[in-house]
């Protein structure tokens, strides 16, 4: 089964939750009026787009229906799907223009952060990139061990220290190793403590200072891993982490286990942060770069 088929299967719950309700809504109206727009907003909110994004999409539809002098509900539905597709947008390529480039991966415990790193490393290796992993989540011995398993599985290097070591020191060593090995990409795992802890913010700042000092001018991605199952709570986490770090992309995991895939639209609309990777399964290749066109096709067709 190719990834698109997995994506289509993985989005079934979300598609049923969103498109099923949209289909039902349009079939229950003969014309697009104020009652229709109110009901559409409710449908979008219950599909986990959130109030702000739901209001935005409804108002945009209202404006475009008026501008384009749309008369039939069928035309209105096609216009809505176009607006939803434009809201999703595309993920864009990772910024990996220097050698080495750095990918800093952040997120709370339990969202699949370390697993996502292993899968991203595999994806990059398959693209011909030489990858080094930095086990800078030193507050959990299990995180170091888990990353080691992925490094062995992927056939990539890992730099680690003991549990409780200074994460910034691990990053310093990893940068040295990446330079020595002429690596293309250094991926840094960070502690997944609660996002409202000041020490986490301080730690990320310290790691970033080391990167800026030792790899001045390097290409850098800061990817936030979110669990799609948590729905709107994922958006709350993203907003909190955005206060602590300049997030360049989202890794959205576990889309296959939820009907809350509409959170993709909310994240893009409210934060302006693109989804760079999506996960639709447990397999090593079930995390893939986000393709907005394929996402829309799997969701709306």
C-alpha atoms as a PDB file:
ATOM      1  CA  UNK A   1       0.000   0.000   0.000  1.00  0.00           C
ATOM      2  CA  UNK A   2       1.419   3.389  -1.038  1.00  0.00           C
ATOM      3  CA  UNK A   3       1.466   6.346   1.329  1.00  0.00           C
ATOM      4  CA  UNK A   4      -1.467   8.059  -0.385  1.00  0.00           C
ATOM      5  CA  UNK A   5      -3.626   4.984   0.230  1.00  0.00           C
ATOM      6  CA  UNK A   6      -2.479   4.954   3.856  1.00  0.00           C
ATOM      7  CA  UNK A   7      -3.267   8.658   4.073  1.00  0.00           C
ATOM      8  CA  UNK A   8      -6.722   8.088   2.642  1.00  0.00           C
ATOM      9  CA  UNK A   9      -7.374   5.266   5.113  1.00  0.00           C
ATOM     10  CA  UNK A  10      -5.842   7.247   7.953  1.00  0.00           C
ATOM     11  CA  UNK A  11      -8.103  10.222   7.308  1.00  0.00           C
ATOM     12  CA  UNK A  12     -11.305   8.184   7.149  1.00  0.00           C
ATOM     13  CA  UNK A  13     -12.451   9.221  10.622  1.00  0.00           C
ATOM     14  CA  UNK A  14     -11.759  12.877   9.929  1.00  0.00           C
ATOM     15  CA  UNK A  15     -13.347  12.686   6.488  1.00  0.00           C
ATOM     16  CA  UNK A  16     -16.484  11.120   7.913  1.00  0.00           C
ATOM     17  CA  UNK A  17     -16.638  13.695  10.688  1.00  0.00           C
ATOM     18  CA  UNK A  18     -16.107  16.706   8.441  1.00  0.00           C
ATOM     19  CA  UNK A  19     -17.269  15.779   4.948  1.00  0.00           C
ATOM     20  CA  UNK A  20     -20.163  13.671   6.165  1.00  0.00           C
ATOM     21  CA  UNK A  21     -21.546  16.634   8.074  1.00  0.00           C
ATOM     22  CA  UNK A  22     -20.864  19.037   5.191  1.00  0.00           C
ATOM     23  CA  UNK A  23     -22.639  16.743   2.737  1.00  0.00           C
ATOM     24  CA  UNK A  24     -25.582  16.427   5.115  1.00  0.00           C
ATOM     25  CA  UNK A  25     -25.701  20.201   5.604  1.00  0.00           C
ATOM     26  CA  UNK A  26     -25.732  21.024   1.910  1.00  0.00           C
ATOM     27  CA  UNK A  27     -28.336  18.361   1.160  1.00  0.00           C
ATOM     28  CA  UNK A  28     -30.673  19.809   3.787  1.00  0.00           C
ATOM     29  CA  UNK A  29     -30.765  23.301   2.285  1.00  0.00           C
ATOM     30  CA  UNK A  30     -32.324  24.538  -0.960  1.00  0.00           C
ATOM     31  CA  UNK A  31     -30.559  27.873  -0.765  1.00  0.00           C
ATOM     32  CA  UNK A  32     -27.628  29.448   1.039  1.00  0.00           C
ATOM     33  CA  UNK A  33     -28.991  31.814   3.683  1.00  0.00           C
ATOM     34  CA  UNK A  34     -28.139  33.062   7.173  1.00  0.00           C
ATOM     35  CA  UNK A  35     -29.388  29.854   8.807  1.00  0.00           C
ATOM     36  CA  UNK A  36     -27.123  27.863   6.499  1.00  0.00           C
ATOM     37  CA  UNK A  37     -24.066  29.905   7.511  1.00  0.00           C
ATOM     38  CA  UNK A  38     -24.886  29.463  11.216  1.00  0.00           C
ATOM     39  CA  UNK A  39     -25.165  25.703  10.768  1.00  0.00           C
ATOM     40  CA  UNK A  40     -21.957  25.590   8.721  1.00  0.00           C
ATOM     41  CA  UNK A  41     -20.050  27.316  11.522  1.00  0.00           C
ATOM     42  CA  UNK A  42     -21.344  24.728  13.998  1.00  0.00           C
ATOM     43  CA  UNK A  43     -20.299  21.870  11.679  1.00  0.00           C
ATOM     44  CA  UNK A  44     -16.780  23.248  11.320  1.00  0.00           C
ATOM     45  CA  UNK A  45     -16.389  23.769  15.065  1.00  0.00           C
ATOM     46  CA  UNK A  46     -17.469  20.199  15.823  1.00  0.00           C
ATOM     47  CA  UNK A  47     -14.914  18.980  13.247  1.00  0.00           C
ATOM     48  CA  UNK A  48     -12.213  20.531  15.470  1.00  0.00           C
ATOM     49  CA  UNK A  49     -11.379  23.532  13.315  1.00  0.00           C
ATOM     50  CA  UNK A  50     -12.022  25.746  16.335  1.00  0.00           C
ATOM     51  CA  UNK A  51     -14.185  28.866  16.615  1.00  0.00           C
ATOM     52  CA  UNK A  52     -11.750  31.302  15.018  1.00  0.00           C
ATOM     53  CA  UNK A  53     -11.021  29.165  11.936  1.00  0.00           C
ATOM     54  CA  UNK A  54     -14.673  28.146  11.584  1.00  0.00           C
ATOM     55  CA  UNK A  55     -15.739  31.813  11.641  1.00  0.00           C
ATOM     56  CA  UNK A  56     -13.032  32.718   9.118  1.00  0.00           C
ATOM     57  CA  UNK A  57     -14.071  30.012   6.646  1.00  0.00           C
ATOM     58  CA  UNK A  58     -17.782  30.788   7.011  1.00  0.00           C
ATOM     59  CA  UNK A  59     -17.276  34.519   6.500  1.00  0.00           C
ATOM     60  CA  UNK A  60     -15.003  33.941   3.546  1.00  0.00           C
ATOM     61  CA  UNK A  61     -17.618  31.679   1.968  1.00  0.00           C
ATOM     62  CA  UNK A  62     -20.281  34.299   2.595  1.00  0.00           C
ATOM     63  CA  UNK A  63     -18.166  36.964   0.851  1.00  0.00           C
ATOM     64  CA  UNK A  64     -17.254  34.792  -2.125  1.00  0.00           C
ATOM     65  CA  UNK A  65     -20.804  33.541  -2.610  1.00  0.00           C
ATOM     66  CA  UNK A  66     -21.861  37.193  -2.840  1.00  0.00           C
ATOM     67  CA  UNK A  67     -18.970  38.225  -5.109  1.00  0.00           C
ATOM     68  CA  UNK A  68     -19.438  35.281  -7.471  1.00  0.00           C
ATOM     69  CA  UNK A  69     -23.240  35.526  -7.356  1.00  0.00           C
ATOM     70  CA  UNK A  70     -23.533  31.862  -6.413  1.00  0.00           C
ATOM     71  CA  UNK A  71     -27.121  30.680  -6.661  1.00  0.00           C
ATOM     72  CA  UNK A  72     -27.104  26.921  -6.017  1.00  0.00           C
ATOM     73  CA  UNK A  73     -25.987  24.893  -3.005  1.00  0.00           C
ATOM     74  CA  UNK A  74     -23.892  22.674  -5.286  1.00  0.00           C
ATOM     75  CA  UNK A  75     -21.878  25.679  -6.432  1.00  0.00           C
ATOM     76  CA  UNK A  76     -21.585  26.763  -2.817  1.00  0.00           C
ATOM     77  CA  UNK A  77     -20.209  23.370  -1.818  1.00  0.00           C
ATOM     78  CA  UNK A  78     -17.506  23.479  -4.496  1.00  0.00           C
ATOM     79  CA  UNK A  79     -16.560  26.972  -3.360  1.00  0.00           C
ATOM     80  CA  UNK A  80     -16.332  25.791   0.266  1.00  0.00           C
ATOM     81  CA  UNK A  81     -14.037  22.909  -0.698  1.00  0.00           C
ATOM     82  CA  UNK A  82     -11.797  25.361  -2.559  1.00  0.00           C
ATOM     83  CA  UNK A  83     -11.606  27.587   0.528  1.00  0.00           C
ATOM     84  CA  UNK A  84     -10.805  24.608   2.774  1.00  0.00           C
ATOM     85  CA  UNK A  85      -8.044  23.496   0.377  1.00  0.00           C
ATOM     86  CA  UNK A  86      -6.526  26.985   0.304  1.00  0.00           C
ATOM     87  CA  UNK A  87      -6.642  27.139   4.103  1.00  0.00           C
ATOM     88  CA  UNK A  88      -4.741  23.840   4.376  1.00  0.00           C
ATOM     89  CA  UNK A  89      -2.036  25.147   2.046  1.00  0.00           C
ATOM     90  CA  UNK A  90       1.144  23.135   1.645  1.00  0.00           C
ATOM     91  CA  UNK A  91       3.904  22.137   4.010  1.00  0.00           C
ATOM     92  CA  UNK A  92       6.881  23.283   1.995  1.00  0.00           C
ATOM     93  CA  UNK A  93      10.337  21.763   1.974  1.00  0.00           C
ATOM     94  CA  UNK A  94      12.555  21.571   5.028  1.00  0.00           C
ATOM     95  CA  UNK A  95      15.194  24.296   5.105  1.00  0.00           C
ATOM     96  CA  UNK A  96      18.352  22.191   4.768  1.00  0.00           C
ATOM     97  CA  UNK A  97      20.545  24.500   2.763  1.00  0.00           C
ATOM     98  CA  UNK A  98      23.764  24.244   4.787  1.00  0.00           C
ATOM     99  CA  UNK A  99      26.034  21.362   5.744  1.00  0.00           C
ATOM    100  CA  UNK A 100      25.246  20.549   8.418  1.00  0.00           C
ATOM    101  CA  UNK A 101      21.720  21.847   8.839  1.00  0.00           C
ATOM    102  CA  UNK A 102      19.964  21.493  12.194  1.00  0.00           C
ATOM    103  CA  UNK A 103      16.490  20.210  13.013  1.00  0.00           C
ATOM    104  CA  UNK A 104      15.505  20.965  16.596  1.00  0.00           C
ATOM    105  CA  UNK A 105      12.529  18.834  17.666  1.00  0.00           C
ATOM    106  CA  UNK A 106      10.325  19.936  20.554  1.00  0.00           C
ATOM    107  CA  UNK A 107       7.056  18.765  22.124  1.00  0.00           C
ATOM    108  CA  UNK A 108       5.535  17.414  25.326  1.00  0.00           C
ATOM    109  CA  UNK A 109       6.001  13.821  26.442  1.00  0.00           C
ATOM    110  CA  UNK A 110       3.653  11.301  24.903  1.00  0.00           C
ATOM    111  CA  UNK A 111       3.077  12.935  21.507  1.00  0.00           C
ATOM    112  CA  UNK A 112       5.533  10.654  19.693  1.00  0.00           C
ATOM    113  CA  UNK A 113       8.457  13.074  19.569  1.00  0.00           C
ATOM    114  CA  UNK A 114      11.357  10.622  19.740  1.00  0.00           C
ATOM    115  CA  UNK A 115       9.620   8.186  17.402  1.00  0.00           C
ATOM    116  CA  UNK A 116       9.017  11.026  14.936  1.00  0.00           C
ATOM    117  CA  UNK A 117      12.718  11.886  15.015  1.00  0.00           C
ATOM    118  CA  UNK A 118      13.581   8.305  14.113  1.00  0.00           C
ATOM    119  CA  UNK A 119      11.132   8.356  11.222  1.00  0.00           C
ATOM    120  CA  UNK A 120      12.324  11.755   9.945  1.00  0.00           C
ATOM    121  CA  UNK A 121      15.918  10.515  10.073  1.00  0.00           C
ATOM    122  CA  UNK A 122      14.909   7.497   7.984  1.00  0.00           C
ATOM    123  CA  UNK A 123      13.138   9.726   5.456  1.00  0.00           C
ATOM    124  CA  UNK A 124      16.196  11.985   5.135  1.00  0.00           C
ATOM    125  CA  UNK A 125      18.570   9.033   4.835  1.00  0.00           C
ATOM    126  CA  UNK A 126      16.473   7.649   1.991  1.00  0.00           C
ATOM    127  CA  UNK A 127      16.894  11.031   0.308  1.00  0.00           C
ATOM    128  CA  UNK A 128      20.660  10.566   0.458  1.00  0.00           C
ATOM    129  CA  UNK A 129      21.318  12.682   3.547  1.00  0.00           C
ATOM    130  CA  UNK A 130      23.901  11.759   6.161  1.00  0.00           C
ATOM    131  CA  UNK A 131      22.213  12.195   9.537  1.00  0.00           C
ATOM    132  CA  UNK A 132      23.453  12.526  13.130  1.00  0.00           C
ATOM    133  CA  UNK A 133      21.070  12.336  16.090  1.00  0.00           C
ATOM    134  CA  UNK A 134      21.616  14.232  19.359  1.00  0.00           C
ATOM    135  CA  UNK A 135      20.004  12.678  22.446  1.00  0.00           C
ATOM    136  CA  UNK A 136      19.501  15.981  24.273  1.00  0.00           C
ATOM    137  CA  UNK A 137      16.415  14.788  26.170  1.00  0.00           C
ATOM    138  CA  UNK A 138      18.586  13.806  29.100  1.00  0.00           C
ATOM    139  CA  UNK A 139      15.839  13.964  31.705  1.00  0.00           C
ATOM    140  CA  UNK A 140      14.437  10.579  30.702  1.00  0.00           C
ATOM    141  CA  UNK A 141      16.775   7.616  30.350  1.00  0.00           C
ATOM    142  CA  UNK A 142      14.064   5.947  28.285  1.00  0.00           C
ATOM    143  CA  UNK A 143      14.253   8.775  25.725  1.00  0.00           C
ATOM    144  CA  UNK A 144      17.979   8.188  25.206  1.00  0.00           C
ATOM    145  CA  UNK A 145      17.474   4.434  24.896  1.00  0.00           C
ATOM    146  CA  UNK A 146      14.557   4.876  22.503  1.00  0.00           C
ATOM    147  CA  UNK A 147      16.585   7.195  20.267  1.00  0.00           C
ATOM    148  CA  UNK A 148      19.436   4.678  20.276  1.00  0.00           C
ATOM    149  CA  UNK A 149      17.065   1.999  19.003  1.00  0.00           C
ATOM    150  CA  UNK A 150      16.013   4.267  16.149  1.00  0.00           C
ATOM    151  CA  UNK A 151      19.629   5.190  15.335  1.00  0.00           C
ATOM    152  CA  UNK A 152      20.508   1.489  15.059  1.00  0.00           C
ATOM    153  CA  UNK A 153      17.421   0.777  12.988  1.00  0.00           C
ATOM    154  CA  UNK A 154      18.053   3.709  10.634  1.00  0.00           C
ATOM    155  CA  UNK A 155      21.799   3.147  10.436  1.00  0.00           C
ATOM    156  CA  UNK A 156      22.689   6.681  11.553  1.00  0.00           C
ATOM    157  CA  UNK A 157      25.057   8.066  14.188  1.00  0.00           C
ATOM    158  CA  UNK A 158      23.912   9.141  17.639  1.00  0.00           C
ATOM    159  CA  UNK A 159      25.622  11.354  20.217  1.00  0.00           C
ATOM    160  CA  UNK A 160      24.563  10.862  23.819  1.00  0.00           C
ATOM    161  CA  UNK A 161      25.630  11.343  27.404  1.00  0.00           C
ATOM    162  CA  UNK A 162      24.251   9.916  30.626  1.00  0.00           C
ATOM    163  CA  UNK A 163      20.828  10.663  32.076  1.00  0.00           C
ATOM    164  CA  UNK A 164      20.784  14.085  33.753  1.00  0.00           C
ATOM    165  CA  UNK A 165      23.611  15.503  31.644  1.00  0.00           C
ATOM    166  CA  UNK A 166      23.472  19.092  30.405  1.00  0.00           C
ATOM    167  CA  UNK A 167      21.430  19.023  27.164  1.00  0.00           C
ATOM    168  CA  UNK A 168      23.408  21.918  25.704  1.00  0.00           C
ATOM    169  CA  UNK A 169      26.627  19.951  26.271  1.00  0.00           C
ATOM    170  CA  UNK A 170      25.149  17.034  24.327  1.00  0.00           C
ATOM    171  CA  UNK A 171      24.300  19.412  21.477  1.00  0.00           C
ATOM    172  CA  UNK A 172      27.841  20.814  21.540  1.00  0.00           C
ATOM    173  CA  UNK A 173      29.287  17.300  21.226  1.00  0.00           C
ATOM    174  CA  UNK A 174      26.783  16.414  18.503  1.00  0.00           C
ATOM    175  CA  UNK A 175      27.731  19.481  16.462  1.00  0.00           C
ATOM    176  CA  UNK A 176      31.387  18.490  16.714  1.00  0.00           C
ATOM    177  CA  UNK A 177      30.515  14.962  15.567  1.00  0.00           C
ATOM    178  CA  UNK A 178      28.384  16.259  12.703  1.00  0.00           C
ATOM    179  CA  UNK A 179      31.246  18.441  11.482  1.00  0.00           C
ATOM    180  CA  UNK A 180      33.756  15.616  11.810  1.00  0.00           C
ATOM    181  CA  UNK A 181      31.523  13.179   9.919  1.00  0.00           C
ATOM    182  CA  UNK A 182      30.594  15.773   7.261  1.00  0.00           C
ATOM    183  CA  UNK A 183      26.952  15.123   8.097  1.00  0.00           C
ATOM    184  CA  UNK A 184      24.188  16.832   6.160  1.00  0.00           C
ATOM    185  CA  UNK A 185      21.675  17.059   8.989  1.00  0.00           C
ATOM    186  CA  UNK A 186      21.852  17.099  12.785  1.00  0.00           C
ATOM    187  CA  UNK A 187      18.535  16.243  14.469  1.00  0.00           C
ATOM    188  CA  UNK A 188      18.255  17.245  18.123  1.00  0.00           C
ATOM    189  CA  UNK A 189      15.816  15.583  20.521  1.00  0.00           C
ATOM    190  CA  UNK A 190      14.845  17.870  23.414  1.00  0.00           C
ATOM    191  CA  UNK A 191      13.157  17.373  26.767  1.00  0.00           C
ATOM    192  CA  UNK A 192       9.404  16.903  26.596  1.00  0.00           C
ATOM    193  CA  UNK A 193       8.396  18.440  29.869  1.00  0.00           C
ATOM    194  CA  UNK A 194       5.234  20.515  30.188  1.00  0.00           C
ATOM    195  CA  UNK A 195       5.238  23.501  27.872  1.00  0.00           C
ATOM    196  CA  UNK A 196       4.477  26.031  30.613  1.00  0.00           C
ATOM    197  CA  UNK A 197       7.667  25.348  32.566  1.00  0.00           C
ATOM    198  CA  UNK A 198      10.159  28.213  32.616  1.00  0.00           C
ATOM    199  CA  UNK A 199      13.132  25.832  32.781  1.00  0.00           C
ATOM    200  CA  UNK A 200      12.119  24.321  29.453  1.00  0.00           C
ATOM    201  CA  UNK A 201      12.136  27.765  27.852  1.00  0.00           C
ATOM    202  CA  UNK A 202      15.544  28.485  29.384  1.00  0.00           C
ATOM    203  CA  UNK A 203      16.892  25.153  28.195  1.00  0.00           C
ATOM    204  CA  UNK A 204      15.769  25.709  24.609  1.00  0.00           C
ATOM    205  CA  UNK A 205      17.366  29.162  24.673  1.00  0.00           C
ATOM    206  CA  UNK A 206      20.651  27.658  25.896  1.00  0.00           C
ATOM    207  CA  UNK A 207      20.614  24.979  23.179  1.00  0.00           C
ATOM    208  CA  UNK A 208      19.915  27.621  20.545  1.00  0.00           C
ATOM    209  CA  UNK A 209      22.834  29.732  21.776  1.00  0.00           C
ATOM    210  CA  UNK A 210      25.172  26.756  21.364  1.00  0.00           C
ATOM    211  CA  UNK A 211      23.885  26.139  17.829  1.00  0.00           C
ATOM    212  CA  UNK A 212      24.236  29.810  16.878  1.00  0.00           C
ATOM    213  CA  UNK A 213      27.770  29.962  18.285  1.00  0.00           C
ATOM    214  CA  UNK A 214      29.067  26.693  16.836  1.00  0.00           C
ATOM    215  CA  UNK A 215      27.133  26.705  13.540  1.00  0.00           C
ATOM    216  CA  UNK A 216      26.665  30.393  12.826  1.00  0.00           C
ATOM    217  CA  UNK A 217      24.423  30.948   9.828  1.00  0.00           C
ATOM    218  CA  UNK A 218      23.340  27.321   9.528  1.00  0.00           C
ATOM    219  CA  UNK A 219      19.939  26.371   8.152  1.00  0.00           C
ATOM    220  CA  UNK A 220      17.705  25.455  11.078  1.00  0.00           C
ATOM    221  CA  UNK A 221      14.235  24.020  11.483  1.00  0.00           C
ATOM    222  CA  UNK A 222      12.390  23.969  14.787  1.00  0.00           C
ATOM    223  CA  UNK A 223       9.701  21.321  14.510  1.00  0.00           C
ATOM    224  CA  UNK A 224       6.949  20.973  17.097  1.00  0.00           C
ATOM    225  CA  UNK A 225       5.463  17.481  17.410  1.00  0.00           C
ATOM    226  CA  UNK A 226       1.734  17.420  18.173  1.00  0.00           C
ATOM    227  CA  UNK A 227      -0.683  14.551  18.720  1.00  0.00           C
ATOM    228  CA  UNK A 228      -3.714  14.964  16.429  1.00  0.00           C
ATOM    229  CA  UNK A 229      -5.843  12.940  18.860  1.00  0.00           C
ATOM    230  CA  UNK A 230      -5.752  15.836  21.335  1.00  0.00           C
ATOM    231  CA  UNK A 231      -7.507  18.140  18.861  1.00  0.00           C
ATOM    232  CA  UNK A 232      -7.812  21.712  20.104  1.00  0.00           C
ATOM    233  CA  UNK A 233      -5.398  20.989  22.958  1.00  0.00           C
ATOM    234  CA  UNK A 234      -2.727  20.530  20.278  1.00  0.00           C
ATOM    235  CA  UNK A 235      -3.421  24.095  19.151  1.00  0.00           C
ATOM    236  CA  UNK A 236      -3.070  25.306  22.754  1.00  0.00           C
ATOM    237  CA  UNK A 237       0.289  23.511  23.013  1.00  0.00           C
ATOM    238  CA  UNK A 238       1.431  25.075  19.749  1.00  0.00           C
ATOM    239  CA  UNK A 239       0.561  28.556  20.991  1.00  0.00           C
ATOM    240  CA  UNK A 240       2.469  27.994  24.239  1.00  0.00           C
ATOM    241  CA  UNK A 241       5.547  26.582  22.519  1.00  0.00           C
ATOM    242  CA  UNK A 242       5.472  29.461  20.023  1.00  0.00           C
ATOM    243  CA  UNK A 243       6.158  31.767  22.981  1.00  0.00           C
ATOM    244  CA  UNK A 244       9.325  29.825  23.773  1.00  0.00           C
ATOM    245  CA  UNK A 245      10.678  29.018  20.321  1.00  0.00           C
ATOM    246  CA  UNK A 246      10.518  30.203  16.730  1.00  0.00           C
ATOM    247  CA  UNK A 247       8.622  27.208  15.366  1.00  0.00           C
ATOM    248  CA  UNK A 248       9.108  26.656  11.639  1.00  0.00           C
ATOM    249  CA  UNK A 249       6.928  23.592  11.192  1.00  0.00           C
ATOM    250  CA  UNK A 250       4.581  21.088  12.788  1.00  0.00           C
ATOM    251  CA  UNK A 251       4.860  17.302  12.896  1.00  0.00           C
ATOM    252  CA  UNK A 252       1.314  16.023  13.359  1.00  0.00           C
ATOM    253  CA  UNK A 253       1.170  12.416  14.557  1.00  0.00           C
ATOM    254  CA  UNK A 254      -1.608   9.829  14.980  1.00  0.00           C
ATOM    255  CA  UNK A 255      -3.966  11.231  12.356  1.00  0.00           C
ATOM    256  CA  UNK A 256      -5.177   7.694  11.723  1.00  0.00           C
ATOM    257  CA  UNK A 257      -6.518   7.378  15.253  1.00  0.00           C
ATOM    258  CA  UNK A 258      -8.768  10.415  15.360  1.00  0.00           C
ATOM    259  CA  UNK A 259     -11.617  12.295  13.710  1.00  0.00           C
ATOM    260  CA  UNK A 260      -9.882  15.551  14.660  1.00  0.00           C
ATOM    261  CA  UNK A 261      -7.721  15.969  11.565  1.00  0.00           C
ATOM    262  CA  UNK A 262      -9.405  19.330  11.021  1.00  0.00           C
ATOM    263  CA  UNK A 263      -6.811  20.649  13.470  1.00  0.00           C
ATOM    264  CA  UNK A 264      -4.473  20.915  10.439  1.00  0.00           C
ATOM    265  CA  UNK A 265      -6.576  23.823   9.168  1.00  0.00           C
ATOM    266  CA  UNK A 266      -6.734  25.491  12.585  1.00  0.00           C
ATOM    267  CA  UNK A 267      -2.963  25.349  13.077  1.00  0.00           C
ATOM    268  CA  UNK A 268      -2.250  26.795   9.646  1.00  0.00           C
ATOM    269  CA  UNK A 269      -4.921  29.488   9.915  1.00  0.00           C
ATOM    270  CA  UNK A 270      -4.352  30.648  13.502  1.00  0.00           C
ATOM    271  CA  UNK A 271      -0.588  30.284  13.814  1.00  0.00           C
ATOM    272  CA  UNK A 272       0.604  30.543  10.226  1.00  0.00           C
ATOM    273  CA  UNK A 273       2.865  27.540  10.874  1.00  0.00           C
ATOM    274  CA  UNK A 274       2.956  24.916   8.124  1.00  0.00           C
ATOM    275  CA  UNK A 275       2.548  21.218   8.845  1.00  0.00           C
ATOM    276  CA  UNK A 276       5.804  19.659   7.565  1.00  0.00           C
ATOM    277  CA  UNK A 277       5.183  15.984   8.413  1.00  0.00           C
ATOM    278  CA  UNK A 278       2.075  13.909   9.109  1.00  0.00           C
ATOM    279  CA  UNK A 279       1.809  10.452  10.620  1.00  0.00           C
ATOM    280  CA  UNK A 280      -0.920   7.959   9.731  1.00  0.00           C
ATOM    281  CA  UNK A 281       0.344   4.753  11.316  1.00  0.00           C
ATOM    282  CA  UNK A 282       2.907   3.015  13.495  1.00  0.00           C
ATOM    283  CA  UNK A 283       5.240   1.881  10.710  1.00  0.00           C
ATOM    284  CA  UNK A 284       8.634   3.475  10.097  1.00  0.00           C
ATOM    285  CA  UNK A 285       7.444   4.886   6.769  1.00  0.00           C
ATOM    286  CA  UNK A 286       4.039   6.039   8.010  1.00  0.00           C
ATOM    287  CA  UNK A 287       5.386   9.526   8.759  1.00  0.00           C
ATOM    288  CA  UNK A 288       5.844  11.460   5.525  1.00  0.00           C
ATOM    289  CA  UNK A 289       6.368  15.056   4.388  1.00  0.00           C
ATOM    290  CA  UNK A 290       3.042  16.870   4.306  1.00  0.00           C
ATOM    291  CA  UNK A 291       1.592  17.366   0.844  1.00  0.00           C
ATOM    292  CA  UNK A 292      -1.367  19.737   0.950  1.00  0.00           C
ATOM    293  CA  UNK A 293      -2.714  18.636  -2.413  1.00  0.00           C
ATOM    294  CA  UNK A 294      -2.713  14.967  -1.391  1.00  0.00           C
ATOM    295  CA  UNK A 295      -4.216  15.796   1.997  1.00  0.00           C
ATOM    296  CA  UNK A 296      -7.092  17.656   0.366  1.00  0.00           C
ATOM    297  CA  UNK A 297      -7.581  14.897  -2.194  1.00  0.00           C
ATOM    298  CA  UNK A 298      -7.673  12.216   0.519  1.00  0.00           C
ATOM    299  CA  UNK A 299      -9.992  14.279   2.693  1.00  0.00           C
ATOM    300  CA  UNK A 300     -12.417  15.868   0.291  1.00  0.00           C
ATOM    301  CA  UNK A 301     -12.730  13.568  -2.717  1.00  0.00           C
END
